[in-house]
Amino acid sequence: MQDPNPLPWGAQDRYQAHFIVRNTDKTNDEYSAKTSLTTKGHFSSKKVIGVKWVGGKLASALNDDTKLTKMIIKQSVKDASIWVDPTENGVRIYGKWKNGHEFGITHELFEIYDKIASYITKS
């Protein structure tokens, strides 16, 4: 007899793009940051109306960039959720997990990640 409620084990249809900025001397917590979003609406009509970066020194520099904030506000809630974490050999920039149908990086989202990467390499 087959189980009517199988466990969701095995390969999952989830993907996540990571952008790595090589930087061996800056692997501490001051280069950790994540977006804290202010939203309006519910469910599929939810829109981003404000963005604040939370974290170390990098977060305060990203908060000062109004152009970057305006770029992020134009994104969906899922794409506007961005994390920046130091790794052993650099700094990693990434967003939320997506399924196979919605996975992809738009030109605008790439520009946002590129702008964040420029702040990492400047410091």
N, C-alpha and C. Protein backbone atom coordinates (compact mmCIF):
# COMPACT_ATOMS: atom_id res chain seq x y z
N MET A 1 0.83 -1.18 0.00
CA MET A 1 0.00 0.00 0.00
C MET A 1 0.89 1.25 0.00
N GLN A 2 0.60 2.21 -0.86
CA GLN A 2 1.39 3.44 -0.99
C GLN A 2 0.93 4.47 0.04
N ASP A 3 1.89 5.17 0.60
CA ASP A 3 1.60 6.20 1.60
C ASP A 3 0.88 7.38 0.94
N PRO A 4 -0.30 7.77 1.41
CA PRO A 4 -1.03 8.90 0.79
C PRO A 4 -0.39 10.25 1.09
N ASN A 5 0.45 10.34 2.10
CA ASN A 5 1.13 11.59 2.46
C ASN A 5 2.64 11.37 2.50
N PRO A 6 3.27 11.27 1.34
CA PRO A 6 4.72 11.00 1.34
C PRO A 6 5.50 12.18 1.90
N LEU A 7 6.64 11.89 2.50
CA LEU A 7 7.50 12.94 3.05
C LEU A 7 8.21 13.66 1.91
N PRO A 8 8.41 14.97 2.04
CA PRO A 8 9.04 15.75 0.97
C PRO A 8 10.56 15.65 0.99
N TRP A 9 11.09 14.45 0.89
CA TRP A 9 12.52 14.26 0.88
C TRP A 9 13.01 14.13 -0.55
N GLY A 10 14.29 14.28 -0.72
CA GLY A 10 14.87 14.14 -2.05
C GLY A 10 15.11 15.51 -2.67
N ALA A 11 15.34 15.50 -3.95
CA ALA A 11 15.63 16.75 -4.67
C ALA A 11 14.42 17.67 -4.64
N GLN A 12 14.66 18.90 -4.33
CA GLN A 12 13.61 19.91 -4.29
C GLN A 12 13.79 20.87 -5.46
N ASP A 13 12.70 21.41 -5.93
CA ASP A 13 12.72 22.36 -7.04
C ASP A 13 12.94 23.78 -6.49
N ARG A 14 14.10 24.02 -5.90
CA ARG A 14 14.43 25.31 -5.31
C ARG A 14 15.84 25.70 -5.73
N TYR A 15 16.00 26.99 -6.08
CA TYR A 15 17.30 27.48 -6.54
C TYR A 15 17.59 28.82 -5.87
N GLN A 16 18.87 29.12 -5.78
CA GLN A 16 19.30 30.38 -5.18
C GLN A 16 20.60 30.79 -5.84
N ALA A 17 20.66 32.01 -6.35
CA ALA A 17 21.88 32.52 -6.98
C ALA A 17 22.72 33.24 -5.93
N HIS A 18 24.02 32.98 -5.92
CA HIS A 18 24.95 33.63 -5.01
C HIS A 18 25.98 34.39 -5.83
N PHE A 19 26.24 35.62 -5.47
CA PHE A 19 27.27 36.42 -6.11
C PHE A 19 28.39 36.59 -5.10
N ILE A 20 29.59 36.17 -5.48
CA ILE A 20 30.73 36.18 -4.57
C ILE A 20 31.68 37.29 -4.99
N VAL A 21 32.01 38.15 -4.02
CA VAL A 21 33.00 39.19 -4.25
C VAL A 21 34.27 38.74 -3.54
N ARG A 22 35.33 38.49 -4.31
CA ARG A 22 36.57 38.03 -3.70
C ARG A 22 37.17 39.13 -2.85
N ASN A 23 37.52 38.74 -1.64
CA ASN A 23 38.04 39.71 -0.71
C ASN A 23 38.55 38.96 0.52
N THR A 24 39.81 38.60 0.54
CA THR A 24 40.32 37.73 1.60
C THR A 24 40.55 38.45 2.91
N ASP A 25 40.73 39.77 2.92
CA ASP A 25 41.05 40.45 4.17
C ASP A 25 39.84 41.06 4.87
N LYS A 26 38.64 40.86 4.34
CA LYS A 26 37.45 41.48 4.93
C LYS A 26 36.40 40.44 5.28
N THR A 27 36.77 39.46 6.03
CA THR A 27 35.82 38.40 6.37
C THR A 27 35.38 38.50 7.82
N ASN A 28 34.90 39.67 8.22
CA ASN A 28 34.39 39.81 9.58
C ASN A 28 32.96 40.34 9.56
N ASP A 29 32.38 40.46 10.72
CA ASP A 29 30.96 40.80 10.83
C ASP A 29 30.60 42.20 10.37
N GLU A 30 31.58 43.09 10.22
CA GLU A 30 31.23 44.42 9.76
C GLU A 30 30.78 44.41 8.29
N TYR A 31 30.97 43.30 7.59
CA TYR A 31 30.52 43.16 6.21
C TYR A 31 29.29 42.27 6.11
N SER A 32 28.55 42.13 7.20
CA SER A 32 27.27 41.44 7.19
C SER A 32 26.17 42.48 7.07
N ALA A 33 25.18 42.19 6.24
CA ALA A 33 24.05 43.11 6.08
C ALA A 33 22.87 42.34 5.52
N LYS A 34 21.68 42.84 5.82
CA LYS A 34 20.47 42.27 5.23
C LYS A 34 19.42 43.37 5.14
N THR A 35 18.51 43.22 4.21
CA THR A 35 17.46 44.21 4.06
C THR A 35 16.34 43.95 5.06
N SER A 36 15.82 45.03 5.59
CA SER A 36 14.62 44.99 6.43
C SER A 36 13.59 45.80 5.65
N LEU A 37 12.55 45.13 5.17
CA LEU A 37 11.61 45.76 4.25
C LEU A 37 10.38 46.29 4.96
N THR A 38 9.89 47.43 4.49
CA THR A 38 8.60 47.96 4.89
C THR A 38 7.68 47.71 3.70
N THR A 39 6.56 47.03 3.94
CA THR A 39 5.68 46.64 2.84
C THR A 39 4.27 47.19 3.04
N LYS A 40 3.51 47.14 1.96
CA LYS A 40 2.12 47.59 1.96
C LYS A 40 1.31 46.56 1.19
N GLY A 41 0.16 46.19 1.70
CA GLY A 41 -0.69 45.22 1.03
C GLY A 41 -0.53 43.83 1.61
N HIS A 42 -1.25 42.89 1.00
CA HIS A 42 -1.24 41.51 1.48
C HIS A 42 -1.06 40.55 0.31
N PHE A 43 -0.46 39.41 0.59
CA PHE A 43 -0.31 38.30 -0.34
C PHE A 43 0.29 38.75 -1.67
N SER A 44 -0.36 38.48 -2.79
CA SER A 44 0.23 38.78 -4.09
C SER A 44 0.25 40.27 -4.41
N SER A 45 -0.52 41.09 -3.68
CA SER A 45 -0.51 42.53 -3.93
C SER A 45 0.48 43.27 -3.03
N LYS A 46 1.27 42.53 -2.26
CA LYS A 46 2.24 43.14 -1.35
C LYS A 46 3.32 43.86 -2.14
N LYS A 47 3.59 45.11 -1.77
CA LYS A 47 4.60 45.94 -2.45
C LYS A 47 5.60 46.45 -1.42
N VAL A 48 6.82 46.65 -1.86
CA VAL A 48 7.87 47.21 -1.02
C VAL A 48 7.74 48.73 -1.07
N ILE A 49 7.67 49.37 0.10
CA ILE A 49 7.59 50.83 0.13
C ILE A 49 8.78 51.46 0.86
N GLY A 50 9.58 50.64 1.52
CA GLY A 50 10.76 51.15 2.22
C GLY A 50 11.78 50.06 2.46
N VAL A 51 13.06 50.46 2.48
CA VAL A 51 14.15 49.51 2.68
C VAL A 51 15.13 50.09 3.69
N LYS A 52 15.51 49.28 4.66
CA LYS A 52 16.55 49.66 5.61
C LYS A 52 17.51 48.49 5.71
N TRP A 53 18.80 48.78 5.65
CA TRP A 53 19.82 47.75 5.80
C TRP A 53 20.17 47.61 7.27
N VAL A 54 20.27 46.37 7.73
CA VAL A 54 20.61 46.07 9.12
C VAL A 54 21.91 45.27 9.11
N GLY A 55 22.86 45.65 9.96
CA GLY A 55 24.11 44.91 10.03
C GLY A 55 25.26 45.80 10.47
N GLY A 56 26.43 45.52 9.94
CA GLY A 56 27.64 46.22 10.34
C GLY A 56 27.91 47.49 9.56
N LYS A 57 29.17 47.78 9.38
CA LYS A 57 29.64 48.99 8.71
C LYS A 57 29.09 49.08 7.28
N LEU A 58 29.04 47.96 6.60
CA LEU A 58 28.53 47.94 5.22
C LEU A 58 27.07 48.38 5.18
N ALA A 59 26.27 47.96 6.15
CA ALA A 59 24.84 48.30 6.18
C ALA A 59 24.64 49.81 6.27
N SER A 60 25.44 50.50 7.06
CA SER A 60 25.28 51.95 7.17
C SER A 60 25.65 52.65 5.86
N ALA A 61 26.64 52.14 5.15
CA ALA A 61 26.99 52.72 3.85
C ALA A 61 25.88 52.48 2.83
N LEU A 62 25.27 51.29 2.85
CA LEU A 62 24.17 50.99 1.93
C LEU A 62 22.93 51.81 2.26
N ASN A 63 22.69 52.10 3.53
CA ASN A 63 21.55 52.94 3.93
C ASN A 63 21.67 54.36 3.40
N ASP A 64 22.89 54.84 3.24
CA ASP A 64 23.11 56.21 2.76
C ASP A 64 22.90 56.36 1.27
N ASP A 65 22.83 55.26 0.52
CA ASP A 65 22.69 55.30 -0.93
C ASP A 65 21.20 55.34 -1.32
N THR A 66 20.68 56.51 -1.60
CA THR A 66 19.25 56.66 -1.94
C THR A 66 18.93 56.05 -3.30
N LYS A 67 19.88 56.08 -4.22
CA LYS A 67 19.65 55.49 -5.54
C LYS A 67 19.46 53.97 -5.42
N LEU A 68 20.29 53.34 -4.60
CA LEU A 68 20.17 51.90 -4.36
C LEU A 68 18.82 51.58 -3.71
N THR A 69 18.41 52.39 -2.75
CA THR A 69 17.11 52.19 -2.08
C THR A 69 15.97 52.26 -3.09
N LYS A 70 16.01 53.24 -3.98
CA LYS A 70 14.96 53.38 -5.01
C LYS A 70 14.95 52.18 -5.95
N MET A 71 16.13 51.65 -6.27
CA MET A 71 16.21 50.47 -7.14
C MET A 71 15.59 49.26 -6.46
N ILE A 72 15.84 49.08 -5.16
CA ILE A 72 15.31 47.93 -4.43
C ILE A 72 13.80 48.04 -4.26
N ILE A 73 13.29 49.24 -4.03
CA ILE A 73 11.85 49.44 -3.85
C ILE A 73 11.06 49.01 -5.09
N LYS A 74 11.65 49.10 -6.26
CA LYS A 74 10.98 48.70 -7.51
C LYS A 74 10.87 47.19 -7.66
N GLN A 75 11.59 46.43 -6.83
CA GLN A 75 11.60 44.97 -6.93
C GLN A 75 10.43 44.34 -6.18
N SER A 76 10.18 43.06 -6.46
CA SER A 76 9.17 42.32 -5.70
C SER A 76 9.70 42.09 -4.28
N VAL A 77 8.83 41.69 -3.38
CA VAL A 77 9.24 41.44 -2.00
C VAL A 77 10.30 40.34 -1.96
N LYS A 78 10.14 39.31 -2.76
CA LYS A 78 11.10 38.20 -2.79
C LYS A 78 12.47 38.66 -3.30
N ASP A 79 12.49 39.49 -4.35
CA ASP A 79 13.77 39.96 -4.89
C ASP A 79 14.40 41.06 -4.04
N ALA A 80 13.59 41.80 -3.28
CA ALA A 80 14.11 42.86 -2.43
C ALA A 80 14.72 42.33 -1.14
N SER A 81 14.49 41.08 -0.82
CA SER A 81 15.09 40.46 0.36
C SER A 81 16.49 40.00 0.00
N ILE A 82 17.49 40.74 0.49
CA ILE A 82 18.89 40.51 0.11
C ILE A 82 19.73 40.35 1.37
N TRP A 83 20.67 39.40 1.34
CA TRP A 83 21.60 39.16 2.43
C TRP A 83 23.02 39.31 1.91
N VAL A 84 23.90 39.84 2.76
CA VAL A 84 25.33 39.95 2.46
C VAL A 84 26.07 39.33 3.64
N ASP A 85 26.86 38.29 3.38
CA ASP A 85 27.57 37.58 4.43
C ASP A 85 29.04 37.39 4.05
N PRO A 86 29.95 37.59 5.00
CA PRO A 86 31.36 37.28 4.72
C PRO A 86 31.56 35.77 4.68
N THR A 87 32.45 35.32 3.82
CA THR A 87 32.83 33.91 3.73
C THR A 87 34.34 33.82 3.93
N GLU A 88 34.88 32.63 3.78
CA GLU A 88 36.31 32.44 3.99
C GLU A 88 37.16 33.24 3.00
N ASN A 89 36.73 33.31 1.74
CA ASN A 89 37.54 33.97 0.71
C ASN A 89 36.90 35.20 0.11
N GLY A 90 35.83 35.70 0.70
CA GLY A 90 35.17 36.85 0.13
C GLY A 90 33.89 37.19 0.85
N VAL A 91 33.02 37.86 0.11
CA VAL A 91 31.73 38.27 0.64
C VAL A 91 30.66 37.77 -0.32
N ARG A 92 29.61 37.19 0.22
CA ARG A 92 28.55 36.56 -0.57
C ARG A 92 27.30 37.44 -0.55
N ILE A 93 26.70 37.67 -1.72
CA ILE A 93 25.46 38.44 -1.87
C ILE A 93 24.43 37.49 -2.45
N TYR A 94 23.26 37.38 -1.80
CA TYR A 94 22.25 36.44 -2.28
C TYR A 94 20.85 36.86 -1.84
N GLY A 95 19.86 36.23 -2.45
CA GLY A 95 18.46 36.52 -2.13
C GLY A 95 17.74 35.27 -1.68
N LYS A 96 16.41 35.30 -1.75
CA LYS A 96 15.59 34.18 -1.30
C LYS A 96 15.63 33.02 -2.29
N TRP A 97 15.27 31.83 -1.81
CA TRP A 97 15.14 30.65 -2.64
C TRP A 97 13.95 30.83 -3.58
N LYS A 98 14.08 30.33 -4.82
CA LYS A 98 13.00 30.41 -5.80
C LYS A 98 12.80 29.04 -6.43
N ASN A 99 11.57 28.78 -6.92
CA ASN A 99 11.35 27.53 -7.62
C ASN A 99 11.82 27.66 -9.06
N GLY A 100 11.81 26.57 -9.80
CA GLY A 100 12.34 26.55 -11.15
C GLY A 100 11.65 27.49 -12.12
N HIS A 101 10.35 27.78 -11.89
CA HIS A 101 9.61 28.65 -12.80
C HIS A 101 9.93 30.13 -12.59
N GLU A 102 10.25 30.52 -11.37
CA GLU A 102 10.50 31.92 -11.09
C GLU A 102 11.98 32.25 -10.96
N PHE A 103 12.86 31.24 -11.02
CA PHE A 103 14.29 31.47 -10.85
C PHE A 103 14.85 32.25 -12.03
N GLY A 104 15.64 33.24 -11.71
CA GLY A 104 16.31 34.03 -12.73
C GLY A 104 16.77 35.35 -12.12
N ILE A 105 17.70 35.97 -12.76
CA ILE A 105 18.21 37.25 -12.32
C ILE A 105 17.93 38.27 -13.42
N THR A 106 17.12 39.27 -13.09
CA THR A 106 16.82 40.31 -14.07
C THR A 106 18.00 41.28 -14.15
N HIS A 107 17.99 42.09 -15.18
CA HIS A 107 19.04 43.09 -15.36
C HIS A 107 19.06 44.06 -14.18
N GLU A 108 17.87 44.45 -13.72
CA GLU A 108 17.77 45.39 -12.59
C GLU A 108 18.32 44.78 -11.30
N LEU A 109 18.00 43.51 -11.06
CA LEU A 109 18.50 42.85 -9.86
C LEU A 109 20.02 42.68 -9.92
N PHE A 110 20.55 42.39 -11.11
CA PHE A 110 22.00 42.30 -11.27
C PHE A 110 22.65 43.64 -10.97
N GLU A 111 22.04 44.74 -11.41
CA GLU A 111 22.58 46.08 -11.13
C GLU A 111 22.61 46.36 -9.63
N ILE A 112 21.58 45.91 -8.90
CA ILE A 112 21.55 46.08 -7.45
C ILE A 112 22.70 45.32 -6.81
N TYR A 113 22.88 44.05 -7.19
CA TYR A 113 23.96 43.25 -6.62
C TYR A 113 25.33 43.84 -6.98
N ASP A 114 25.45 44.36 -8.20
CA ASP A 114 26.71 44.97 -8.63
C ASP A 114 27.02 46.22 -7.81
N LYS A 115 26.00 47.01 -7.51
CA LYS A 115 26.19 48.21 -6.71
C LYS A 115 26.61 47.85 -5.28
N ILE A 116 26.01 46.80 -4.72
CA ILE A 116 26.41 46.33 -3.39
C ILE A 116 27.86 45.85 -3.42
N ALA A 117 28.22 45.13 -4.47
CA ALA A 117 29.60 44.63 -4.62
C ALA A 117 30.60 45.79 -4.70
N SER A 118 30.20 46.90 -5.32
CA SER A 118 31.11 48.04 -5.42
C SER A 118 31.40 48.62 -4.04
N TYR A 119 30.43 48.61 -3.14
CA TYR A 119 30.68 49.08 -1.77
C TYR A 119 31.64 48.14 -1.04
N ILE A 120 31.57 46.86 -1.31
CA ILE A 120 32.46 45.89 -0.66
C ILE A 120 33.88 46.11 -1.14
N THR A 121 34.08 46.32 -2.42
CA THR A 121 35.44 46.49 -2.94
C THR A 121 36.03 47.86 -2.61
N LYS A 122 35.19 48.87 -2.40
CA LYS A 122 35.69 50.21 -2.05
C LYS A 122 36.28 50.26 -0.65
N SER A 123 35.68 49.50 0.29
CA SER A 123 36.11 49.61 1.68
C SER A 123 37.36 48.84 1.97
